[in-house]
Amino acid sequence: MASTMNTGFAATEGVKNKTEEMTSNVADTARQAAANVADKAKQAASAVGHTAEDATHGLGCGMKSLGETLRDKAPQGGVLGSAASSVASGLERGGQYLQEEGISGMAGDLTDLIRKNPIPALLVGVGIGFILARATSRS
């Protein structure tokens, strides 16, 4: 009877050890899968960020080029020439800004502007919210 109890105890211990081993393996697999998902999410976010920065840089190049083309093709004198020159200068400056600063630079500049002018920024935000609410409530 004692050997039957020892055999039963050994079998129970074996099942217990196998269960602990399987639980440990499942936990390791889950940790590894979570780490893989986190890595993939970081890679995707990084790729999106780089793509957005590249698109912003490309937009800056396009704006700068458009400004140069406008300056070359527009009349050089008179009211129309003066207006075209002003628009061309604005496009060139805006394009250069986008090329140099990108999205992160624009966000930093916007943050600084809001910090320096909190009341006007708040009023602009309320105004935009009001306009959006009116536009969506009529639909």
C-alpha atoms as a PDB file:
ATOM      1  CA  MET A   1       0.000   0.000   0.000  1.00  0.00           C
ATOM      2  CA  ALA A   2       2.940   2.309   0.751  1.00  0.00           C
ATOM      3  CA  SER A   3       4.385   1.744  -2.717  1.00  0.00           C
ATOM      4  CA  THR A   4       1.008   2.598  -4.252  1.00  0.00           C
ATOM      5  CA  MET A   5       0.969   5.851  -2.280  1.00  0.00           C
ATOM      6  CA  ASN A   6       4.535   6.616  -3.355  1.00  0.00           C
ATOM      7  CA  THR A   7       3.625   5.906  -6.971  1.00  0.00           C
ATOM      8  CA  GLY A   8       0.538   8.120  -6.677  1.00  0.00           C
ATOM      9  CA  PHE A   9       2.577  10.862  -5.012  1.00  0.00           C
ATOM     10  CA  ALA A  10       5.251  10.634  -7.711  1.00  0.00           C
ATOM     11  CA  ALA A  11       2.598  10.807 -10.432  1.00  0.00           C
ATOM     12  CA  THR A  12       1.009  13.829  -8.763  1.00  0.00           C
ATOM     13  CA  GLU A  13       4.427  15.492  -8.447  1.00  0.00           C
ATOM     14  CA  GLY A  14       5.127  14.745 -12.125  1.00  0.00           C
ATOM     15  CA  VAL A  15       1.812  16.288 -13.197  1.00  0.00           C
ATOM     16  CA  LYS A  16       2.464  19.284 -10.956  1.00  0.00           C
ATOM     17  CA  ASN A  17       5.949  19.782 -12.453  1.00  0.00           C
ATOM     18  CA  LYS A  18       4.615  19.443 -16.006  1.00  0.00           C
ATOM     19  CA  THR A  19       1.854  21.950 -15.241  1.00  0.00           C
ATOM     20  CA  GLU A  20       4.351  24.442 -13.801  1.00  0.00           C
ATOM     21  CA  GLU A  21       6.614  23.942 -16.805  1.00  0.00           C
ATOM     22  CA  MET A  22       3.744  24.462 -19.258  1.00  0.00           C
ATOM     23  CA  THR A  23       2.582  27.564 -17.360  1.00  0.00           C
ATOM     24  CA  SER A  24       6.095  28.955 -17.449  1.00  0.00           C
ATOM     25  CA  ASN A  25       6.349  28.261 -21.200  1.00  0.00           C
ATOM     26  CA  VAL A  26       2.990  29.928 -21.874  1.00  0.00           C
ATOM     27  CA  ALA A  27       4.007  32.978 -19.820  1.00  0.00           C
ATOM     28  CA  ASP A  28       7.333  33.226 -21.675  1.00  0.00           C
ATOM     29  CA  THR A  29       5.578  32.932 -25.021  1.00  0.00           C
ATOM     30  CA  ALA A  30       3.074  35.629 -24.017  1.00  0.00           C
ATOM     31  CA  ARG A  31       5.879  37.951 -22.886  1.00  0.00           C
ATOM     32  CA  GLN A  32       7.757  37.374 -26.111  1.00  0.00           C
ATOM     33  CA  ALA A  33       4.628  38.008 -28.220  1.00  0.00           C
ATOM     34  CA  ALA A  34       3.910  41.226 -26.301  1.00  0.00           C
ATOM     35  CA  ALA A  35       7.487  42.393 -26.823  1.00  0.00           C
ATOM     36  CA  ASN A  36       7.232  41.619 -30.555  1.00  0.00           C
ATOM     37  CA  VAL A  37       3.963  43.566 -30.826  1.00  0.00           C
ATOM     38  CA  ALA A  38       5.506  46.527 -28.991  1.00  0.00           C
ATOM     39  CA  ASP A  39       8.538  46.478 -31.289  1.00  0.00           C
ATOM     40  CA  LYS A  40       6.338  46.351 -34.388  1.00  0.00           C
ATOM     41  CA  ALA A  41       4.242  49.266 -33.089  1.00  0.00           C
ATOM     42  CA  LYS A  42       7.401  51.320 -32.455  1.00  0.00           C
ATOM     43  CA  GLN A  43       8.683  50.533 -35.943  1.00  0.00           C
ATOM     44  CA  ALA A  44       5.346  51.479 -37.516  1.00  0.00           C
ATOM     45  CA  ALA A  45       5.171  54.752 -35.565  1.00  0.00           C
ATOM     46  CA  SER A  46       8.730  55.570 -36.528  1.00  0.00           C
ATOM     47  CA  ALA A  47       8.009  54.845 -40.186  1.00  0.00           C
ATOM     48  CA  VAL A  48       4.909  57.049 -40.117  1.00  0.00           C
ATOM     49  CA  GLY A  49       6.902  59.839 -38.468  1.00  0.00           C
ATOM     50  CA  HIS A  50       9.645  59.626 -41.080  1.00  0.00           C
ATOM     51  CA  THR A  51       7.079  59.547 -43.877  1.00  0.00           C
ATOM     52  CA  ALA A  52       5.352  62.647 -42.497  1.00  0.00           C
ATOM     53  CA  GLU A  53       8.670  64.478 -42.158  1.00  0.00           C
ATOM     54  CA  ASP A  54       9.602  63.491 -45.723  1.00  0.00           C
ATOM     55  CA  ALA A  55       6.221  64.663 -47.009  1.00  0.00           C
ATOM     56  CA  THR A  56       6.628  67.977 -45.188  1.00  0.00           C
ATOM     57  CA  HIS A  57      10.104  68.402 -46.656  1.00  0.00           C
ATOM     58  CA  GLY A  58       8.728  67.627 -50.132  1.00  0.00           C
ATOM     59  CA  LEU A  59       5.898  70.111 -49.658  1.00  0.00           C
ATOM     60  CA  GLY A  60       8.446  72.743 -48.642  1.00  0.00           C
ATOM     61  CA  CYS A  61      10.488  72.070 -51.784  1.00  0.00           C
ATOM     62  CA  GLY A  62       7.345  72.326 -53.913  1.00  0.00           C
ATOM     63  CA  MET A  63       6.277  75.606 -52.341  1.00  0.00           C
ATOM     64  CA  LYS A  64       9.736  77.083 -52.789  1.00  0.00           C
ATOM     65  CA  SER A  65       9.824  75.961 -56.416  1.00  0.00           C
ATOM     66  CA  LEU A  66       6.348  77.381 -57.051  1.00  0.00           C
ATOM     67  CA  GLY A  67       7.430  80.719 -55.595  1.00  0.00           C
ATOM     68  CA  GLU A  68      10.480  80.816 -57.852  1.00  0.00           C
ATOM     69  CA  THR A  69       8.385  79.913 -60.903  1.00  0.00           C
ATOM     70  CA  LEU A  70       5.816  82.574 -60.050  1.00  0.00           C
ATOM     71  CA  ARG A  71       8.555  85.173 -59.655  1.00  0.00           C
ATOM     72  CA  ASP A  72      10.034  84.231 -63.062  1.00  0.00           C
ATOM     73  CA  LYS A  73       6.740  84.122 -64.981  1.00  0.00           C
ATOM     74  CA  ALA A  74       4.894  87.073 -63.397  1.00  0.00           C
ATOM     75  CA  PRO A  75       5.120  90.625 -64.688  1.00  0.00           C
ATOM     76  CA  GLN A  76       7.979  92.574 -63.146  1.00  0.00           C
ATOM     77  CA  GLY A  77       6.260  95.938 -62.769  1.00  0.00           C
ATOM     78  CA  GLY A  78       2.957  97.445 -61.785  1.00  0.00           C
ATOM     79  CA  VAL A  79       0.389  96.363 -59.247  1.00  0.00           C
ATOM     80  CA  LEU A  80       0.178  92.804 -60.581  1.00  0.00           C
ATOM     81  CA  GLY A  81       3.958  92.457 -60.509  1.00  0.00           C
ATOM     82  CA  SER A  82       4.102  93.732 -56.945  1.00  0.00           C
ATOM     83  CA  ALA A  83       1.359  91.334 -55.822  1.00  0.00           C
ATOM     84  CA  ALA A  84       3.008  88.406 -57.602  1.00  0.00           C
ATOM     85  CA  SER A  85       6.350  89.259 -56.014  1.00  0.00           C
ATOM     86  CA  SER A  86       4.758  89.336 -52.532  1.00  0.00           C
ATOM     87  CA  VAL A  87       3.054  85.976 -53.089  1.00  0.00           C
ATOM     88  CA  ALA A  88       6.265  84.480 -54.473  1.00  0.00           C
ATOM     89  CA  SER A  89       8.239  85.719 -51.459  1.00  0.00           C
ATOM     90  CA  GLY A  90       5.670  84.234 -49.099  1.00  0.00           C
ATOM     91  CA  LEU A  91       5.759  80.884 -50.875  1.00  0.00           C
ATOM     92  CA  GLU A  92       9.551  80.820 -50.844  1.00  0.00           C
ATOM     93  CA  ARG A  93       9.759  81.711 -47.135  1.00  0.00           C
ATOM     94  CA  GLY A  94       7.043  79.197 -46.255  1.00  0.00           C
ATOM     95  CA  GLY A  95       8.732  76.480 -48.280  1.00  0.00           C
ATOM     96  CA  GLN A  96      12.089  77.166 -46.681  1.00  0.00           C
ATOM     97  CA  TYR A  97      10.477  77.081 -43.227  1.00  0.00           C
ATOM     98  CA  LEU A  98       8.874  73.696 -43.933  1.00  0.00           C
ATOM     99  CA  GLN A  99      12.145  72.316 -45.260  1.00  0.00           C
ATOM    100  CA  GLU A 100      14.162  73.477 -42.268  1.00  0.00           C
ATOM    101  CA  GLU A 101      11.709  72.956 -39.402  1.00  0.00           C
ATOM    102  CA  GLY A 102       9.463  70.081 -40.442  1.00  0.00           C
ATOM    103  CA  ILE A 103       6.518  68.951 -38.339  1.00  0.00           C
ATOM    104  CA  SER A 104       8.389  68.872 -35.044  1.00  0.00           C
ATOM    105  CA  GLY A 105       9.620  72.439 -35.522  1.00  0.00           C
ATOM    106  CA  MET A 106       6.131  73.611 -36.413  1.00  0.00           C
ATOM    107  CA  ALA A 107       4.714  71.979 -33.282  1.00  0.00           C
ATOM    108  CA  GLY A 108       7.370  73.643 -31.145  1.00  0.00           C
ATOM    109  CA  ASP A 109       6.691  77.046 -32.697  1.00  0.00           C
ATOM    110  CA  LEU A 110       2.937  76.620 -32.194  1.00  0.00           C
ATOM    111  CA  THR A 111       3.483  75.654 -28.551  1.00  0.00           C
ATOM    112  CA  ASP A 112       5.661  78.730 -28.004  1.00  0.00           C
ATOM    113  CA  LEU A 113       3.069  80.953 -29.673  1.00  0.00           C
ATOM    114  CA  ILE A 114       0.284  79.597 -27.449  1.00  0.00           C
ATOM    115  CA  ARG A 115       2.428  80.043 -24.323  1.00  0.00           C
ATOM    116  CA  LYS A 116       3.181  83.650 -25.226  1.00  0.00           C
ATOM    117  CA  ASN A 117      -0.450  84.455 -26.161  1.00  0.00           C
ATOM    118  CA  PRO A 118      -2.773  82.203 -24.116  1.00  0.00           C
ATOM    119  CA  ILE A 119      -5.924  84.374 -24.204  1.00  0.00           C
ATOM    120  CA  PRO A 120      -5.977  84.894 -27.997  1.00  0.00           C
ATOM    121  CA  ALA A 121      -5.159  81.183 -28.481  1.00  0.00           C
ATOM    122  CA  LEU A 122      -8.083  80.241 -26.231  1.00  0.00           C
ATOM    123  CA  LEU A 123     -10.417  82.586 -28.119  1.00  0.00           C
ATOM    124  CA  VAL A 124      -9.294  81.169 -31.464  1.00  0.00           C
ATOM    125  CA  GLY A 125      -9.911  77.639 -30.153  1.00  0.00           C
ATOM    126  CA  VAL A 126     -13.395  78.557 -28.928  1.00  0.00           C
ATOM    127  CA  GLY A 127     -14.148  80.230 -32.255  1.00  0.00           C
ATOM    128  CA  ILE A 128     -13.028  77.198 -34.254  1.00  0.00           C
ATOM    129  CA  GLY A 129     -15.071  74.940 -31.976  1.00  0.00           C
ATOM    130  CA  PHE A 130     -18.145  77.131 -32.437  1.00  0.00           C
ATOM    131  CA  ILE A 131     -17.766  77.121 -36.232  1.00  0.00           C
ATOM    132  CA  LEU A 132     -17.294  73.340 -36.299  1.00  0.00           C
ATOM    133  CA  ALA A 133     -20.318  72.822 -34.050  1.00  0.00           C
ATOM    134  CA  ARG A 134     -22.482  75.019 -36.290  1.00  0.00           C
ATOM    135  CA  ALA A 135     -21.255  73.297 -39.438  1.00  0.00           C
ATOM    136  CA  THR A 136     -21.925  69.806 -38.129  1.00  0.00           C
ATOM    137  CA  SER A 137     -25.294  70.591 -36.535  1.00  0.00           C
ATOM    138  CA  ARG A 138     -26.782  71.810 -39.844  1.00  0.00           C
ATOM    139  CA  SER A 139     -25.873  68.637 -41.713  1.00  0.00           C
END
